[in-house]
């Protein structure tokens, strides 16, 4: 059951594989039979904090809020590590200034299995900056034409045409191929 949250300053508790409320976080949360997946968008610049308390996953945009809920102690080692500017990010890890409160930085996906064991996946920068723009445009056009063929063949399809550059490109390619689609 995927859903997306945008408003900050909220806490979500995942109980029994379902979020307990509709509080909003700067992240996408997906829950399925494999576990819980939390993705913090690259451009958000936000960080989401998480912990496990009494077999429940708690997510928040505030580490101090989670610390107050779980009565977590300050982690003095962690605070000292944060004060060392020369320390590489890989050694800083995913911790917050409180014990057992972890963070998910922007452009990172947290996968929690059914046993709440964490696994992080870092989003890689786009290789598109090393590819000439005409190759990118040809590739996009090819993909959009494939979508247009599926639409023409009445395969179920949806596209976000909110008015941005990507929406204009989708609309242009569809129109150039004579594809008409209802707008909702």
Protein backbone atom coordinates (compact mmCIF):
# COMPACT_ATOMS: atom_id res chain seq x y z
CA UNK A 1 0.00 0.00 0.00
CA UNK A 2 2.23 2.89 -1.17
CA UNK A 3 1.49 6.45 -0.20
CA UNK A 4 3.48 9.68 -0.31
CA UNK A 5 3.88 12.28 2.40
CA UNK A 6 5.01 15.85 1.83
CA UNK A 7 4.36 17.94 4.98
CA UNK A 8 7.14 17.99 7.59
CA UNK A 9 7.03 17.75 11.41
CA UNK A 10 5.07 14.52 11.71
CA UNK A 11 5.58 11.04 13.08
CA UNK A 12 4.27 7.83 11.54
CA UNK A 13 4.12 4.59 13.49
CA UNK A 14 4.01 1.41 11.44
CA UNK A 15 2.08 -1.24 13.39
CA UNK A 16 1.41 -4.67 12.00
CA UNK A 17 2.54 -3.66 8.51
CA UNK A 18 0.24 -0.61 8.31
CA UNK A 19 0.80 3.04 9.20
CA UNK A 20 -1.40 4.11 12.10
CA UNK A 21 -2.28 7.54 10.78
CA UNK A 22 -2.03 9.81 7.77
CA UNK A 23 0.64 12.08 9.23
CA UNK A 24 2.89 13.46 6.57
CA UNK A 25 6.63 13.00 6.11
CA UNK A 26 9.02 14.22 3.38
CA UNK A 27 9.27 10.64 2.10
CA UNK A 28 7.47 7.86 0.25
CA UNK A 29 6.57 4.83 2.33
CA UNK A 30 5.69 1.45 0.84
CA UNK A 31 4.60 -1.52 2.89
CA UNK A 32 4.25 -5.01 1.45
CA UNK A 33 4.78 -8.66 2.36
CA UNK A 34 8.57 -8.21 2.26
CA UNK A 35 8.63 -5.40 4.83
CA UNK A 36 8.76 -1.61 4.84
CA UNK A 37 10.49 0.64 2.32
CA UNK A 38 11.09 4.36 2.98
CA UNK A 39 12.46 6.57 0.21
CA UNK A 40 13.65 10.13 0.77
CA UNK A 41 13.67 12.06 -2.55
CA UNK A 42 16.99 13.43 -3.83
CA UNK A 43 15.79 16.98 -4.39
CA UNK A 44 14.00 17.24 -1.04
CA UNK A 45 17.26 17.74 0.81
CA UNK A 46 15.43 16.31 3.82
CA UNK A 47 16.45 13.58 6.22
CA UNK A 48 13.99 11.16 7.82
CA UNK A 49 14.74 9.54 11.17
CA UNK A 50 13.64 6.08 12.24
CA UNK A 51 13.82 3.65 15.12
CA UNK A 52 12.21 0.41 16.23
CA UNK A 53 10.40 0.46 19.56
CA UNK A 54 8.47 -2.52 20.91
CA UNK A 55 8.49 -4.15 17.46
CA UNK A 56 7.01 -1.02 15.84
CA UNK A 57 8.80 1.12 13.27
CA UNK A 58 8.67 4.82 14.12
CA UNK A 59 9.43 7.36 11.37
CA UNK A 60 9.76 11.11 11.81
CA UNK A 61 11.41 14.17 10.35
CA UNK A 62 12.64 14.97 13.87
CA UNK A 63 15.20 12.86 15.73
CA UNK A 64 14.40 14.66 18.98
CA UNK A 65 10.71 13.75 18.63
CA UNK A 66 11.62 10.06 18.28
CA UNK A 67 14.05 10.37 21.19
CA UNK A 68 11.29 11.80 23.40
CA UNK A 69 8.85 9.03 22.36
CA UNK A 70 11.37 6.25 23.07
CA UNK A 71 13.23 7.97 25.95
CA UNK A 72 16.52 7.57 24.06
CA UNK A 73 19.73 8.79 25.66
CA UNK A 74 22.19 11.13 23.98
CA UNK A 75 25.04 9.36 22.21
CA UNK A 76 28.11 11.40 23.18
CA UNK A 77 30.38 9.49 20.77
CA UNK A 78 28.06 10.42 17.95
CA UNK A 79 28.05 14.09 18.92
CA UNK A 80 31.87 14.15 18.98
CA UNK A 81 31.98 12.50 15.52
CA UNK A 82 29.66 15.20 14.17
CA UNK A 83 31.97 17.90 15.53
CA UNK A 84 34.95 16.55 13.56
CA UNK A 85 34.65 18.21 10.13
CA UNK A 86 37.44 16.11 8.62
CA UNK A 87 35.65 12.82 9.30
CA UNK A 88 34.45 11.22 6.04
CA UNK A 89 30.69 10.74 5.62
CA UNK A 90 31.09 6.96 5.40
CA UNK A 91 32.29 6.91 9.03
CA UNK A 92 29.51 9.20 10.21
CA UNK A 93 26.96 6.62 9.18
CA UNK A 94 23.21 6.85 9.56
CA UNK A 95 23.04 7.84 13.21
CA UNK A 96 21.55 10.81 14.99
CA UNK A 97 22.73 12.34 18.29
CA UNK A 98 20.49 9.86 20.16
CA UNK A 99 21.13 6.16 20.72
CA UNK A 100 19.23 3.82 18.38
CA UNK A 101 17.74 6.70 16.36
CA UNK A 102 18.89 6.31 12.75
CA UNK A 103 18.55 8.63 9.79
CA UNK A 104 17.78 8.23 6.11
CA UNK A 105 19.50 10.98 4.09
CA UNK A 106 18.12 12.43 0.87
CA UNK A 107 18.46 10.17 -2.20
CA UNK A 108 18.47 7.05 -0.03
CA UNK A 109 16.04 4.16 0.33
CA UNK A 110 15.71 2.24 3.59
CA UNK A 111 14.50 -1.36 3.29
CA UNK A 112 13.35 -2.97 6.54
CA UNK A 113 12.58 -6.68 6.33
CA UNK A 114 9.95 -8.37 8.51
CA UNK A 115 12.55 -8.65 11.31
CA UNK A 116 13.24 -4.89 11.01
CA UNK A 117 16.80 -5.45 9.78
CA UNK A 118 17.85 -2.36 7.80
CA UNK A 119 19.40 -2.24 4.35
CA UNK A 120 20.17 1.06 2.65
CA UNK A 121 20.21 1.70 -1.09
CA UNK A 122 21.83 4.92 -2.24
CA UNK A 123 20.50 6.59 -5.38
CA UNK A 124 23.29 7.01 -7.90
CA UNK A 125 23.80 10.23 -9.85
CA UNK A 126 22.45 10.14 -13.37
CA UNK A 127 24.92 8.99 -16.02
CA UNK A 128 23.12 11.33 -18.44
CA UNK A 129 25.66 14.11 -17.86
CA UNK A 130 28.22 12.04 -19.79
CA UNK A 131 25.90 11.28 -22.72
CA UNK A 132 25.38 13.75 -25.59
CA UNK A 133 21.96 15.41 -25.49
CA UNK A 134 20.95 14.15 -28.96
CA UNK A 135 21.35 10.54 -27.72
CA UNK A 136 19.22 11.31 -24.68
CA UNK A 137 16.53 12.90 -26.84
CA UNK A 138 16.52 9.95 -29.25
CA UNK A 139 16.23 7.53 -26.33
CA UNK A 140 13.36 9.50 -24.78
CA UNK A 141 11.57 9.73 -28.10
CA UNK A 142 11.93 5.98 -28.59
CA UNK A 143 10.50 5.28 -25.14
CA UNK A 144 7.62 7.69 -25.63
CA UNK A 145 6.82 6.10 -29.01
CA UNK A 146 6.70 2.69 -27.33
CA UNK A 147 4.25 4.12 -24.81
CA UNK A 148 2.24 5.68 -27.65
CA UNK A 149 2.03 2.28 -29.37
CA UNK A 150 0.78 0.71 -26.14
CA UNK A 151 -1.80 3.49 -25.82
CA UNK A 152 -2.90 3.01 -29.40
CA UNK A 153 -3.30 -0.71 -28.68
CA UNK A 154 -5.49 0.23 -25.70
CA UNK A 155 -3.13 -1.08 -23.05
CA UNK A 156 -3.82 0.58 -19.68
CA UNK A 157 -1.50 3.55 -19.26
CA UNK A 158 -1.30 6.72 -17.20
CA UNK A 159 0.95 9.75 -17.55
CA UNK A 160 1.48 12.81 -15.39
CA UNK A 161 0.78 15.85 -17.55
CA UNK A 162 1.00 18.52 -14.87
CA UNK A 163 2.40 21.18 -17.18
CA UNK A 164 6.13 20.77 -16.66
CA UNK A 165 8.82 20.16 -19.27
CA UNK A 166 8.38 16.38 -19.05
CA UNK A 167 4.61 16.76 -19.52
CA UNK A 168 5.16 18.91 -22.60
CA UNK A 169 7.52 16.29 -24.06
CA UNK A 170 5.02 13.48 -23.42
CA UNK A 171 2.18 15.47 -24.97
CA UNK A 172 4.28 16.48 -27.99
CA UNK A 173 5.40 12.93 -28.79
CA UNK A 174 1.89 11.54 -28.36
CA UNK A 175 0.38 14.28 -30.53
CA UNK A 176 3.02 13.81 -33.26
CA UNK A 177 2.01 10.14 -33.46
CA UNK A 178 -1.70 10.92 -33.57
CA UNK A 179 -2.40 9.51 -30.12
CA UNK A 180 -5.34 11.06 -28.30
CA UNK A 181 -5.87 10.48 -24.61
CA UNK A 182 -8.58 11.54 -22.18
CA UNK A 183 -7.51 13.97 -19.46
CA UNK A 184 -8.62 13.45 -15.87
